[in-house]
């Protein structure tokens, strides 16, 4: 005679499997920022862009960043990671360094060159 499958045992295995899958999904969700790291997006100015005056605004977004520095000075970022700062450009061109650090110590740098109009 063929024994019928035990419903209780099947339920235990199913619930345990669901628990393991949920734990792995949560772990992947929590480790994503560590694996992806910090990212800096500069909206304005673009690299080698010619600015119309000697003062200009650099703006952008820092994703997953705790701190951001422009030319070595700390800059405030809002809760969405947006930043904006007024800088001065000197002839023939100005090199701008933007560095961002995440909470795990990962760093990323962007270097821009801006040319003022004569």
PDB file of N, CA and C in Angstrom:
ATOM      1  N   UNK A   1       0.819  -1.167   0.000  1.00  0.00           N
ATOM      2  CA  UNK A   1       0.000   0.000   0.000  1.00  0.00           C
ATOM      3  C   UNK A   1       0.882   1.257   0.000  1.00  0.00           C
ATOM      4  N   UNK A   2       0.478   2.258  -0.797  1.00  0.00           N
ATOM      5  CA  UNK A   2       1.241   3.492  -0.921  1.00  0.00           C
ATOM      6  C   UNK A   2       0.819   4.435   0.189  1.00  0.00           C
ATOM      7  N   UNK A   3       1.854   4.954   0.897  1.00  0.00           N
ATOM      8  CA  UNK A   3       1.591   5.858   2.011  1.00  0.00           C
ATOM      9  C   UNK A   3       1.338   7.278   1.477  1.00  0.00           C
ATOM     10  N   UNK A   4       0.299   7.937   1.944  1.00  0.00           N
ATOM     11  CA  UNK A   4      -0.033   9.294   1.529  1.00  0.00           C
ATOM     12  C   UNK A   4       0.980  10.269   2.135  1.00  0.00           C
ATOM     13  N   UNK A   5       1.306  11.339   1.397  1.00  0.00           N
ATOM     14  CA  UNK A   5       2.265  12.304   1.932  1.00  0.00           C
ATOM     15  C   UNK A   5       1.716  12.980   3.191  1.00  0.00           C
ATOM     16  N   UNK A   6       2.612  13.184   4.142  1.00  0.00           N
ATOM     17  CA  UNK A   6       2.237  13.813   5.414  1.00  0.00           C
ATOM     18  C   UNK A   6       2.077  15.323   5.196  1.00  0.00           C
ATOM     19  N   UNK A   7       0.866  15.837   5.416  1.00  0.00           N
ATOM     20  CA  UNK A   7       0.575  17.250   5.190  1.00  0.00           C
ATOM     21  C   UNK A   7       1.387  18.140   6.133  1.00  0.00           C
ATOM     22  N   UNK A   8       1.530  17.742   7.369  1.00  0.00           N
ATOM     23  CA  UNK A   8       2.249  18.537   8.365  1.00  0.00           C
ATOM     24  C   UNK A   8       3.728  18.676   7.978  1.00  0.00           C
ATOM     25  N   UNK A   9       4.341  17.628   7.544  1.00  0.00           N
ATOM     26  CA  UNK A   9       5.757  17.651   7.141  1.00  0.00           C
ATOM     27  C   UNK A   9       5.946  18.539   5.903  1.00  0.00           C
ATOM     28  N   UNK A  10       5.031  18.444   4.955  1.00  0.00           N
ATOM     29  CA  UNK A  10       5.086  19.273   3.751  1.00  0.00           C
ATOM     30  C   UNK A  10       4.947  20.755   4.117  1.00  0.00           C
ATOM     31  N   UNK A  11       4.059  21.067   5.036  1.00  0.00           N
ATOM     32  CA  UNK A  11       3.864  22.444   5.486  1.00  0.00           C
ATOM     33  C   UNK A  11       5.118  22.967   6.178  1.00  0.00           C
ATOM     34  N   UNK A  12       5.759  22.159   7.006  1.00  0.00           N
ATOM     35  CA  UNK A  12       6.985  22.569   7.686  1.00  0.00           C
ATOM     36  C   UNK A  12       8.100  22.882   6.680  1.00  0.00           C
ATOM     37  N   UNK A  13       8.265  22.040   5.707  1.00  0.00           N
ATOM     38  CA  UNK A  13       9.306  22.240   4.700  1.00  0.00           C
ATOM     39  C   UNK A  13       9.023  23.501   3.878  1.00  0.00           C
ATOM     40  N   UNK A  14       7.765  23.702   3.522  1.00  0.00           N
ATOM     41  CA  UNK A  14       7.390  24.885   2.742  1.00  0.00           C
ATOM     42  C   UNK A  14       7.633  26.162   3.532  1.00  0.00           C
ATOM     43  N   UNK A  15       7.197  26.210   4.784  1.00  0.00           N
ATOM     44  CA  UNK A  15       7.385  27.403   5.609  1.00  0.00           C
ATOM     45  C   UNK A  15       8.867  27.670   5.872  1.00  0.00           C
ATOM     46  N   UNK A  16       9.640  26.638   6.110  1.00  0.00           N
ATOM     47  CA  UNK A  16      11.067  26.793   6.318  1.00  0.00           C
ATOM     48  C   UNK A  16      11.745  27.327   5.044  1.00  0.00           C
ATOM     49  N   UNK A  17      11.335  26.836   3.892  1.00  0.00           N
ATOM     50  CA  UNK A  17      11.888  27.311   2.622  1.00  0.00           C
ATOM     51  C   UNK A  17      11.545  28.776   2.397  1.00  0.00           C
ATOM     52  N   UNK A  18      10.330  29.174   2.706  1.00  0.00           N
ATOM     53  CA  UNK A  18       9.914  30.577   2.567  1.00  0.00           C
ATOM     54  C   UNK A  18      10.731  31.459   3.504  1.00  0.00           C
ATOM     55  N   UNK A  19      10.958  30.998   4.730  1.00  0.00           N
ATOM     56  CA  UNK A  19      11.753  31.747   5.705  1.00  0.00           C
ATOM     57  C   UNK A  19      13.184  31.947   5.206  1.00  0.00           C
ATOM     58  N   UNK A  20      13.783  30.914   4.653  1.00  0.00           N
ATOM     59  CA  UNK A  20      15.144  31.001   4.126  1.00  0.00           C
ATOM     60  C   UNK A  20      15.197  31.978   2.940  1.00  0.00           C
ATOM     61  N   UNK A  21      14.232  31.903   2.043  1.00  0.00           N
ATOM     62  CA  UNK A  21      14.192  32.810   0.888  1.00  0.00           C
ATOM     63  C   UNK A  21      14.025  34.260   1.338  1.00  0.00           C
ATOM     64  N   UNK A  22      13.179  34.495   2.336  1.00  0.00           N
ATOM     65  CA  UNK A  22      12.987  35.852   2.854  1.00  0.00           C
ATOM     66  C   UNK A  22      14.262  36.376   3.506  1.00  0.00           C
ATOM     67  N   UNK A  23      14.958  35.527   4.246  1.00  0.00           N
ATOM     68  CA  UNK A  23      16.207  35.944   4.886  1.00  0.00           C
ATOM     69  C   UNK A  23      17.263  36.297   3.840  1.00  0.00           C
ATOM     70  N   UNK A  24      17.370  35.514   2.781  1.00  0.00           N
ATOM     71  CA  UNK A  24      18.320  35.808   1.710  1.00  0.00           C
ATOM     72  C   UNK A  24      17.950  37.093   0.972  1.00  0.00           C
ATOM     73  N   UNK A  25      16.670  37.313   0.727  1.00  0.00           N
ATOM     74  CA  UNK A  25      16.226  38.543   0.049  1.00  0.00           C
ATOM     75  C   UNK A  25      16.523  39.766   0.914  1.00  0.00           C
ATOM     76  N   UNK A  26      16.290  39.671   2.216  1.00  0.00           N
ATOM     77  CA  UNK A  26      16.572  40.788   3.120  1.00  0.00           C
ATOM     78  C   UNK A  26      18.079  41.056   3.163  1.00  0.00           C
ATOM     79  N   UNK A  27      18.881  40.014   3.198  1.00  0.00           N
ATOM     80  CA  UNK A  27      20.330  40.178   3.189  1.00  0.00           C
ATOM     81  C   UNK A  27      20.808  40.862   1.922  1.00  0.00           C
ATOM     82  N   UNK A  28      20.258  40.482   0.780  1.00  0.00           N
ATOM     83  CA  UNK A  28      20.623  41.119  -0.482  1.00  0.00           C
ATOM     84  C   UNK A  28      20.203  42.589  -0.489  1.00  0.00           C
ATOM     85  N   UNK A  29      19.034  42.892   0.077  1.00  0.00           N
ATOM     86  CA  UNK A  29      18.546  44.262   0.160  1.00  0.00           C
ATOM     87  C   UNK A  29      19.472  45.120   1.023  1.00  0.00           C
ATOM     88  N   UNK A  30      19.953  44.568   2.135  1.00  0.00           N
ATOM     89  CA  UNK A  30      20.810  45.323   3.043  1.00  0.00           C
ATOM     90  C   UNK A  30      22.244  45.465   2.529  1.00  0.00           C
ATOM     91  N   UNK A  31      22.727  44.534   1.739  1.00  0.00           N
ATOM     92  CA  UNK A  31      24.111  44.585   1.256  1.00  0.00           C
ATOM     93  C   UNK A  31      24.250  45.370  -0.035  1.00  0.00           C
ATOM     94  N   UNK A  32      23.155  45.692  -0.702  1.00  0.00           N
ATOM     95  CA  UNK A  32      23.205  46.422  -1.968  1.00  0.00           C
ATOM     96  C   UNK A  32      23.992  47.734  -1.877  1.00  0.00           C
ATOM     97  N   UNK A  33      23.752  48.592  -0.867  1.00  0.00           N
ATOM     98  CA  UNK A  33      24.532  49.841  -0.796  1.00  0.00           C
ATOM     99  C   UNK A  33      26.033  49.594  -0.652  1.00  0.00           C
ATOM    100  N   UNK A  34      26.409  48.555   0.056  1.00  0.00           N
ATOM    101  CA  UNK A  34      27.828  48.243   0.210  1.00  0.00           C
ATOM    102  C   UNK A  34      28.440  47.815  -1.115  1.00  0.00           C
ATOM    103  N   UNK A  35      27.730  47.022  -1.871  1.00  0.00           N
ATOM    104  CA  UNK A  35      28.249  46.529  -3.141  1.00  0.00           C
ATOM    105  C   UNK A  35      28.238  47.594  -4.231  1.00  0.00           C
ATOM    106  N   UNK A  36      27.204  48.435  -4.245  1.00  0.00           N
ATOM    107  CA  UNK A  36      27.100  49.434  -5.308  1.00  0.00           C
ATOM    108  C   UNK A  36      27.961  50.654  -5.039  1.00  0.00           C
ATOM    109  N   UNK A  37      28.209  50.981  -3.785  1.00  0.00           N
ATOM    110  CA  UNK A  37      29.072  52.106  -3.450  1.00  0.00           C
ATOM    111  C   UNK A  37      28.430  53.450  -3.702  1.00  0.00           C
ATOM    112  N   UNK A  38      29.236  54.478  -3.506  1.00  0.00           N
ATOM    113  CA  UNK A  38      28.766  55.853  -3.657  1.00  0.00           C
ATOM    114  C   UNK A  38      28.875  56.260  -5.133  1.00  0.00           C
ATOM    115  N   UNK A  39      27.973  57.147  -5.550  1.00  0.00           N
ATOM    116  CA  UNK A  39      27.957  57.614  -6.931  1.00  0.00           C
ATOM    117  C   UNK A  39      27.717  59.118  -6.931  1.00  0.00           C
ATOM    118  N   UNK A  40      28.455  59.847  -7.770  1.00  0.00           N
ATOM    119  CA  UNK A  40      28.296  61.299  -7.894  1.00  0.00           C
ATOM    120  C   UNK A  40      27.887  61.621  -9.324  1.00  0.00           C
ATOM    121  N   UNK A  41      26.813  62.394  -9.449  1.00  0.00           N
ATOM    122  CA  UNK A  41      26.329  62.846 -10.750  1.00  0.00           C
ATOM    123  C   UNK A  41      26.405  64.373 -10.751  1.00  0.00           C
ATOM    124  N   UNK A  42      27.144  64.940 -11.695  1.00  0.00           N
ATOM    125  CA  UNK A  42      27.273  66.392 -11.818  1.00  0.00           C
ATOM    126  C   UNK A  42      26.309  66.860 -12.912  1.00  0.00           C
ATOM    127  N   UNK A  43      25.360  67.730 -12.527  1.00  0.00           N
ATOM    128  CA  UNK A  43      24.403  68.271 -13.499  1.00  0.00           C
ATOM    129  C   UNK A  43      25.012  69.435 -14.279  1.00  0.00           C
ATOM    130  N   UNK A  44      25.546  70.414 -13.539  1.00  0.00           N
ATOM    131  CA  UNK A  44      26.183  71.573 -14.173  1.00  0.00           C
ATOM    132  C   UNK A  44      27.428  71.931 -13.387  1.00  0.00           C
ATOM    133  N   UNK A  45      28.467  72.357 -13.973  1.00  0.00           N
ATOM    134  CA  UNK A  45      28.757  72.402 -15.406  1.00  0.00           C
ATOM    135  C   UNK A  45      29.279  71.054 -15.883  1.00  0.00           C
ATOM    136  N   UNK A  46      29.281  70.841 -17.156  1.00  0.00           N
ATOM    137  CA  UNK A  46      29.857  69.634 -17.750  1.00  0.00           C
ATOM    138  C   UNK A  46      31.370  69.824 -17.876  1.00  0.00           C
ATOM    139  N   UNK A  47      32.076  68.725 -18.090  1.00  0.00           N
ATOM    140  CA  UNK A  47      33.530  68.792 -18.238  1.00  0.00           C
ATOM    141  C   UNK A  47      33.895  69.618 -19.474  1.00  0.00           C
ATOM    142  N   UNK A  48      34.853  70.527 -19.318  1.00  0.00           N
ATOM    143  CA  UNK A  48      35.331  71.449 -20.348  1.00  0.00           C
ATOM    144  C   UNK A  48      34.250  72.412 -20.831  1.00  0.00           C
ATOM    145  N   UNK A  49      33.246  72.661 -20.019  1.00  0.00           N
ATOM    146  CA  UNK A  49      32.207  73.626 -20.395  1.00  0.00           C
ATOM    147  C   UNK A  49      32.730  75.037 -20.179  1.00  0.00           C
ATOM    148  N   UNK A  50      32.318  75.929 -21.066  1.00  0.00           N
ATOM    149  CA  UNK A  50      32.698  77.332 -20.957  1.00  0.00           C
ATOM    150  C   UNK A  50      31.618  78.056 -20.160  1.00  0.00           C
ATOM    151  N   UNK A  51      32.010  78.685 -19.044  1.00  0.00           N
ATOM    152  CA  UNK A  51      31.050  79.410 -18.201  1.00  0.00           C
ATOM    153  C   UNK A  51      31.086  80.890 -18.569  1.00  0.00           C
ATOM    154  N   UNK A  52      29.931  81.552 -18.448  1.00  0.00           N
ATOM    155  CA  UNK A  52      29.818  82.926 -18.937  1.00  0.00           C
ATOM    156  C   UNK A  52      30.442  83.965 -18.001  1.00  0.00           C
ATOM    157  N   UNK A  53      30.523  83.676 -16.719  1.00  0.00           N
ATOM    158  CA  UNK A  53      31.124  84.614 -15.774  1.00  0.00           C
ATOM    159  C   UNK A  53      32.200  83.896 -14.961  1.00  0.00           C
ATOM    160  N   UNK A  54      32.931  84.671 -14.167  1.00  0.00           N
ATOM    161  CA  UNK A  54      33.990  84.050 -13.364  1.00  0.00           C
ATOM    162  C   UNK A  54      33.417  83.252 -12.193  1.00  0.00           C
ATOM    163  N   UNK A  55      32.201  83.574 -11.761  1.00  0.00           N
ATOM    164  CA  UNK A  55      31.546  82.769 -10.727  1.00  0.00           C
ATOM    165  C   UNK A  55      30.483  81.903 -11.392  1.00  0.00           C
ATOM    166  N   UNK A  56      30.376  80.707 -10.925  1.00  0.00           N
ATOM    167  CA  UNK A  56      29.415  79.762 -11.482  1.00  0.00           C
ATOM    168  C   UNK A  56      28.950  78.825 -10.380  1.00  0.00           C
ATOM    169  N   UNK A  57      27.872  78.120 -10.642  1.00  0.00           N
ATOM    170  CA  UNK A  57      27.295  77.185  -9.677  1.00  0.00           C
ATOM    171  C   UNK A  57      27.549  75.764 -10.153  1.00  0.00           C
ATOM    172  N   UNK A  58      28.090  74.952  -9.272  1.00  0.00           N
ATOM    173  CA  UNK A  58      28.216  73.527  -9.551  1.00  0.00           C
ATOM    174  C   UNK A  58      27.104  72.835  -8.775  1.00  0.00           C
ATOM    175  N   UNK A  59      26.352  71.988  -9.473  1.00  0.00           N
ATOM    176  CA  UNK A  59      25.252  71.288  -8.810  1.00  0.00           C
ATOM    177  C   UNK A  59      25.219  69.847  -9.294  1.00  0.00           C
ATOM    178  N   UNK A  60      24.663  68.997  -8.444  1.00  0.00           N
ATOM    179  CA  UNK A  60      24.585  67.590  -8.796  1.00  0.00           C
ATOM    180  C   UNK A  60      23.911  66.787  -7.707  1.00  0.00           C
ATOM    181  N   UNK A  61      24.152  65.495  -7.754  1.00  0.00           N
ATOM    182  CA  UNK A  61      23.528  64.578  -6.802  1.00  0.00           C
ATOM    183  C   UNK A  61      24.559  63.539  -6.384  1.00  0.00           C
ATOM    184  N   UNK A  62      24.590  63.255  -5.093  1.00  0.00           N
ATOM    185  CA  UNK A  62      25.472  62.227  -4.544  1.00  0.00           C
ATOM    186  C   UNK A  62      24.590  61.108  -3.992  1.00  0.00           C
ATOM    187  N   UNK A  63      24.664  59.939  -4.616  1.00  0.00           N
ATOM    188  CA  UNK A  63      23.845  58.803  -4.199  1.00  0.00           C
ATOM    189  C   UNK A  63      24.598  57.967  -3.175  1.00  0.00           C
ATOM    190  N   UNK A  64      23.933  57.624  -2.101  1.00  0.00           N
ATOM    191  CA  UNK A  64      24.482  56.802  -1.022  1.00  0.00           C
ATOM    192  C   UNK A  64      25.729  57.419  -0.408  1.00  0.00           C
ATOM    193  N   UNK A  65      25.769  58.754  -0.290  1.00  0.00           N
ATOM    194  CA  UNK A  65      26.934  59.454   0.257  1.00  0.00           C
ATOM    195  C   UNK A  65      26.604  60.056   1.617  1.00  0.00           C
ATOM    196  N   UNK A  66      27.560  59.979   2.534  1.00  0.00           N
ATOM    197  CA  UNK A  66      27.426  60.645   3.830  1.00  0.00           C
ATOM    198  C   UNK A  66      28.075  62.012   3.798  1.00  0.00           C
ATOM    199  N   UNK A  67      29.204  62.117   3.112  1.00  0.00           N
ATOM    200  CA  UNK A  67      29.941  63.372   3.038  1.00  0.00           C
ATOM    201  C   UNK A  67      30.311  63.650   1.596  1.00  0.00           C
ATOM    202  N   UNK A  68      30.373  64.954   1.263  1.00  0.00           N
ATOM    203  CA  UNK A  68      30.838  65.354  -0.062  1.00  0.00           C
ATOM    204  C   UNK A  68      31.717  66.582   0.110  1.00  0.00           C
ATOM    205  N   UNK A  69      32.804  66.603  -0.644  1.00  0.00           N
ATOM    206  CA  UNK A  69      33.732  67.723  -0.603  1.00  0.00           C
ATOM    207  C   UNK A  69      33.966  68.225  -2.020  1.00  0.00           C
ATOM    208  N   UNK A  70      33.978  69.553  -2.160  1.00  0.00           N
ATOM    209  CA  UNK A  70      34.336  70.189  -3.419  1.00  0.00           C
ATOM    210  C   UNK A  70      35.557  71.050  -3.133  1.00  0.00           C
ATOM    211  N   UNK A  71      36.629  70.794  -3.856  1.00  0.00           N
ATOM    212  CA  UNK A  71      37.902  71.483  -3.654  1.00  0.00           C
ATOM    213  C   UNK A  71      38.391  71.330  -2.205  1.00  0.00           C
ATOM    214  N   UNK A  72      38.106  70.196  -1.582  1.00  0.00           N
ATOM    215  CA  UNK A  72      38.563  69.929  -0.224  1.00  0.00           C
ATOM    216  C   UNK A  72      37.695  70.517   0.870  1.00  0.00           C
ATOM    217  N   UNK A  73      36.639  71.243   0.517  1.00  0.00           N
ATOM    218  CA  UNK A  73      35.732  71.840   1.508  1.00  0.00           C
ATOM    219  C   UNK A  73      34.464  71.007   1.616  1.00  0.00           C
ATOM    220  N   UNK A  74      34.031  70.693   2.846  1.00  0.00           N
ATOM    221  CA  UNK A  74      32.776  69.943   2.996  1.00  0.00           C
ATOM    222  C   UNK A  74      31.582  70.760   2.491  1.00  0.00           C
ATOM    223  N   UNK A  75      30.674  70.094   1.821  1.00  0.00           N
ATOM    224  CA  UNK A  75      29.486  70.722   1.251  1.00  0.00           C
ATOM    225  C   UNK A  75      28.258  70.048   1.856  1.00  0.00           C
ATOM    226  N   UNK A  76      27.232  70.835   2.118  1.00  0.00           N
ATOM    227  CA  UNK A  76      25.983  70.281   2.636  1.00  0.00           C
ATOM    228  C   UNK A  76      25.194  69.612   1.519  1.00  0.00           C
ATOM    229  N   UNK A  77      24.602  68.475   1.844  1.00  0.00           N
ATOM    230  CA  UNK A  77      23.711  67.798   0.906  1.00  0.00           C
ATOM    231  C   UNK A  77      22.365  67.625   1.582  1.00  0.00           C
ATOM    232  N   UNK A  78      21.292  67.659   0.792  1.00  0.00           N
ATOM    233  CA  UNK A  78      19.968  67.459   1.377  1.00  0.00           C
ATOM    234  C   UNK A  78      19.697  65.964   1.542  1.00  0.00           C
ATOM    235  N   UNK A  79      18.513  65.632   2.052  1.00  0.00           N
ATOM    236  CA  UNK A  79      18.198  64.226   2.330  1.00  0.00           C
ATOM    237  C   UNK A  79      18.123  63.370   1.076  1.00  0.00           C
ATOM    238  N   UNK A  80      17.937  64.007  -0.090  1.00  0.00           N
ATOM    239  CA  UNK A  80      17.908  63.278  -1.361  1.00  0.00           C
ATOM    240  C   UNK A  80      19.281  63.181  -2.017  1.00  0.00           C
ATOM    241  N   UNK A  81      20.290  63.829  -1.417  1.00  0.00           N
ATOM    242  CA  UNK A  81      21.644  63.776  -1.952  1.00  0.00           C
ATOM    243  C   UNK A  81      21.985  64.905  -2.902  1.00  0.00           C
ATOM    244  N   UNK A  82      21.096  65.885  -3.072  1.00  0.00           N
ATOM    245  CA  UNK A  82      21.359  67.009  -3.981  1.00  0.00           C
ATOM    246  C   UNK A  82      22.308  68.005  -3.324  1.00  0.00           C
ATOM    247  N   UNK A  83      23.164  68.611  -4.140  1.00  0.00           N
ATOM    248  CA  UNK A  83      24.069  69.633  -3.633  1.00  0.00           C
ATOM    249  C   UNK A  83      24.215  70.743  -4.662  1.00  0.00           C
ATOM    250  N   UNK A  84      24.632  71.915  -4.180  1.00  0.00           N
ATOM    251  CA  UNK A  84      24.844  73.077  -5.028  1.00  0.00           C
ATOM    252  C   UNK A  84      25.835  73.993  -4.321  1.00  0.00           C
ATOM    253  N   UNK A  85      26.797  74.503  -5.077  1.00  0.00           N
ATOM    254  CA  UNK A  85      27.828  75.366  -4.486  1.00  0.00           C
ATOM    255  C   UNK A  85      28.299  76.360  -5.536  1.00  0.00           C
ATOM    256  N   UNK A  86      28.556  77.603  -5.108  1.00  0.00           N
ATOM    257  CA  UNK A  86      29.069  78.633  -6.000  1.00  0.00           C
ATOM    258  C   UNK A  86      30.590  78.641  -5.919  1.00  0.00           C
ATOM    259  N   UNK A  87      31.235  78.620  -7.077  1.00  0.00           N
ATOM    260  CA  UNK A  87      32.692  78.612  -7.166  1.00  0.00           C
ATOM    261  C   UNK A  87      33.168  79.726  -8.092  1.00  0.00           C
ATOM    262  N   UNK A  88      34.472  79.980  -8.064  1.00  0.00           N
ATOM    263  CA  UNK A  88      35.089  80.993  -8.914  1.00  0.00           C
ATOM    264  C   UNK A  88      35.995  80.293  -9.914  1.00  0.00           C
ATOM    265  N   UNK A  89      35.919  80.721 -11.170  1.00  0.00           N
ATOM    266  CA  UNK A  89      36.752  80.161 -12.231  1.00  0.00           C
ATOM    267  C   UNK A  89      37.792  81.182 -12.654  1.00  0.00           C
ATOM    268  N   UNK A  90      39.031  80.742 -12.836  1.00  0.00           N
ATOM    269  CA  UNK A  90      40.123  81.612 -13.254  1.00  0.00           C
ATOM    270  C   UNK A  90      40.615  81.194 -14.633  1.00  0.00           C
ATOM    271  N   UNK A  91      41.069  82.195 -15.404  1.00  0.00           N
ATOM    272  CA  UNK A  91      41.582  81.928 -16.738  1.00  0.00           C
ATOM    273  C   UNK A  91      42.928  81.232 -16.630  1.00  0.00           C
ATOM    274  N   UNK A  92      43.329  80.291 -17.425  1.00  0.00           N
ATOM    275  CA  UNK A  92      42.713  79.752 -18.625  1.00  0.00           C
ATOM    276  C   UNK A  92      41.654  78.688 -18.322  1.00  0.00           C
ATOM    277  N   UNK A  93      41.773  77.961 -17.218  1.00  0.00           N
ATOM    278  CA  UNK A  93      40.729  77.018 -16.839  1.00  0.00           C
ATOM    279  C   UNK A  93      40.875  76.694 -15.356  1.00  0.00           C
ATOM    280  N   UNK A  94      39.827  76.144 -14.792  1.00  0.00           N
ATOM    281  CA  UNK A  94      39.815  75.760 -13.389  1.00  0.00           C
ATOM    282  C   UNK A  94      39.536  74.272 -13.287  1.00  0.00           C
ATOM    283  N   UNK A  95      40.303  73.606 -12.452  1.00  0.00           N
ATOM    284  CA  UNK A  95      40.100  72.180 -12.201  1.00  0.00           C
ATOM    285  C   UNK A  95      39.306  72.051 -10.903  1.00  0.00           C
ATOM    286  N   UNK A  96      38.190  71.343 -10.975  1.00  0.00           N
ATOM    287  CA  UNK A  96      37.306  71.150  -9.821  1.00  0.00           C
ATOM    288  C   UNK A  96      37.342  69.675  -9.435  1.00  0.00           C
ATOM    289  N   UNK A  97      37.588  69.427  -8.158  1.00  0.00           N
ATOM    290  CA  UNK A  97      37.597  68.061  -7.644  1.00  0.00           C
ATOM    291  C   UNK A  97      36.409  67.878  -6.709  1.00  0.00           C
ATOM    292  N   UNK A  98      35.598  66.873  -6.996  1.00  0.00           N
ATOM    293  CA  UNK A  98      34.433  66.536  -6.169  1.00  0.00           C
ATOM    294  C   UNK A  98      34.667  65.133  -5.617  1.00  0.00           C
ATOM    295  N   UNK A  99      34.676  65.007  -4.284  1.00  0.00           N
ATOM    296  CA  UNK A  99      34.873  63.707  -3.640  1.00  0.00           C
ATOM    297  C   UNK A  99      33.685  63.403  -2.737  1.00  0.00           C
ATOM    298  N   UNK A 100      33.218  62.178  -2.795  1.00  0.00           N
ATOM    299  CA  UNK A 100      32.107  61.732  -1.947  1.00  0.00           C
ATOM    300  C   UNK A 100      32.529  60.468  -1.206  1.00  0.00           C
ATOM    301  N   UNK A 101      32.072  60.345   0.038  1.00  0.00           N
ATOM    302  CA  UNK A 101      32.381  59.189   0.878  1.00  0.00           C
ATOM    303  C   UNK A 101      31.079  58.608   1.397  1.00  0.00           C
ATOM    304  N   UNK A 102      30.962  57.273   1.374  1.00  0.00           N
ATOM    305  CA  UNK A 102      29.768  56.636   1.924  1.00  0.00           C
ATOM    306  C   UNK A 102      30.020  56.196   3.367  1.00  0.00           C
ATOM    307  N   UNK A 103      29.005  55.633   4.002  1.00  0.00           N
ATOM    308  CA  UNK A 103      29.118  55.272   5.417  1.00  0.00           C
ATOM    309  C   UNK A 103      30.042  54.084   5.656  1.00  0.00           C
ATOM    310  N   UNK A 104      30.428  53.385   4.602  1.00  0.00           N
ATOM    311  CA  UNK A 104      31.341  52.254   4.737  1.00  0.00           C
ATOM    312  C   UNK A 104      32.785  52.642   4.449  1.00  0.00           C
ATOM    313  N   UNK A 105      33.027  53.920   4.138  1.00  0.00           N
ATOM    314  CA  UNK A 105      34.376  54.392   3.864  1.00  0.00           C
ATOM    315  C   UNK A 105      34.751  54.370   2.398  1.00  0.00           C
ATOM    316  N   UNK A 106      33.854  53.950   1.528  1.00  0.00           N
ATOM    317  CA  UNK A 106      34.125  53.946   0.086  1.00  0.00           C
ATOM    318  C   UNK A 106      34.134  55.368  -0.443  1.00  0.00           C
ATOM    319  N   UNK A 107      35.083  55.671  -1.330  1.00  0.00           N
ATOM    320  CA  UNK A 107      35.209  57.016  -1.888  1.00  0.00           C
ATOM    321  C   UNK A 107      35.126  56.975  -3.407  1.00  0.00           C
ATOM    322  N   UNK A 108      34.632  58.076  -3.955  1.00  0.00           N
ATOM    323  CA  UNK A 108      34.634  58.262  -5.405  1.00  0.00           C
ATOM    324  C   UNK A 108      34.978  59.729  -5.668  1.00  0.00           C
ATOM    325  N   UNK A 109      35.739  59.974  -6.724  1.00  0.00           N
ATOM    326  CA  UNK A 109      36.150  61.331  -7.090  1.00  0.00           C
ATOM    327  C   UNK A 109      35.757  61.624  -8.528  1.00  0.00           C
ATOM    328  N   UNK A 110      35.399  62.867  -8.762  1.00  0.00           N
ATOM    329  CA  UNK A 110      35.141  63.356 -10.114  1.00  0.00           C
ATOM    330  C   UNK A 110      35.984  64.608 -10.292  1.00  0.00           C
ATOM    331  N   UNK A 111      36.609  64.731 -11.453  1.00  0.00           N
ATOM    332  CA  UNK A 111      37.414  65.893 -11.767  1.00  0.00           C
ATOM    333  C   UNK A 111      36.831  66.560 -13.005  1.00  0.00           C
ATOM    334  N   UNK A 112      36.548  67.865 -12.894  1.00  0.00           N
ATOM    335  CA  UNK A 112      35.996  68.659 -13.981  1.00  0.00           C
ATOM    336  C   UNK A 112      36.935  69.798 -14.319  1.00  0.00           C
ATOM    337  N   UNK A 113      36.952  70.200 -15.562  1.00  0.00           N
ATOM    338  CA  UNK A 113      37.684  71.376 -15.986  1.00  0.00           C
ATOM    339  C   UNK A 113      36.677  72.366 -16.547  1.00  0.00           C
ATOM    340  N   UNK A 114      36.715  73.598 -16.035  1.00  0.00           N
ATOM    341  CA  UNK A 114      35.780  74.634 -16.434  1.00  0.00           C
ATOM    342  C   UNK A 114      36.580  75.791 -17.017  1.00  0.00           C
ATOM    343  N   UNK A 115      36.107  76.324 -18.141  1.00  0.00           N
ATOM    344  CA  UNK A 115      36.804  77.415 -18.837  1.00  0.00           C
ATOM    345  C   UNK A 115      35.952  78.679 -18.754  1.00  0.00           C
ATOM    346  N   UNK A 116      36.487  79.764 -18.174  1.00  0.00           N
ATOM    347  CA  UNK A 116      35.720  81.023 -18.156  1.00  0.00           C
ATOM    348  C   UNK A 116      35.796  81.729 -19.495  1.00  0.00           C
ATOM    349  N   UNK A 117      34.739  82.463 -19.854  1.00  0.00           N
ATOM    350  CA  UNK A 117      34.769  83.275 -21.077  1.00  0.00           C
ATOM    351  C   UNK A 117      35.666  84.468 -20.843  1.00  0.00           C
ATOM    352  N   UNK A 118      36.320  84.897 -21.910  1.00  0.00           N
ATOM    353  CA  UNK A 118      37.192  86.091 -21.796  1.00  0.00           C
ATOM    354  C   UNK A 118      36.393  87.348 -21.793  1.00  0.00           C
TER     355      UNK A 118
END
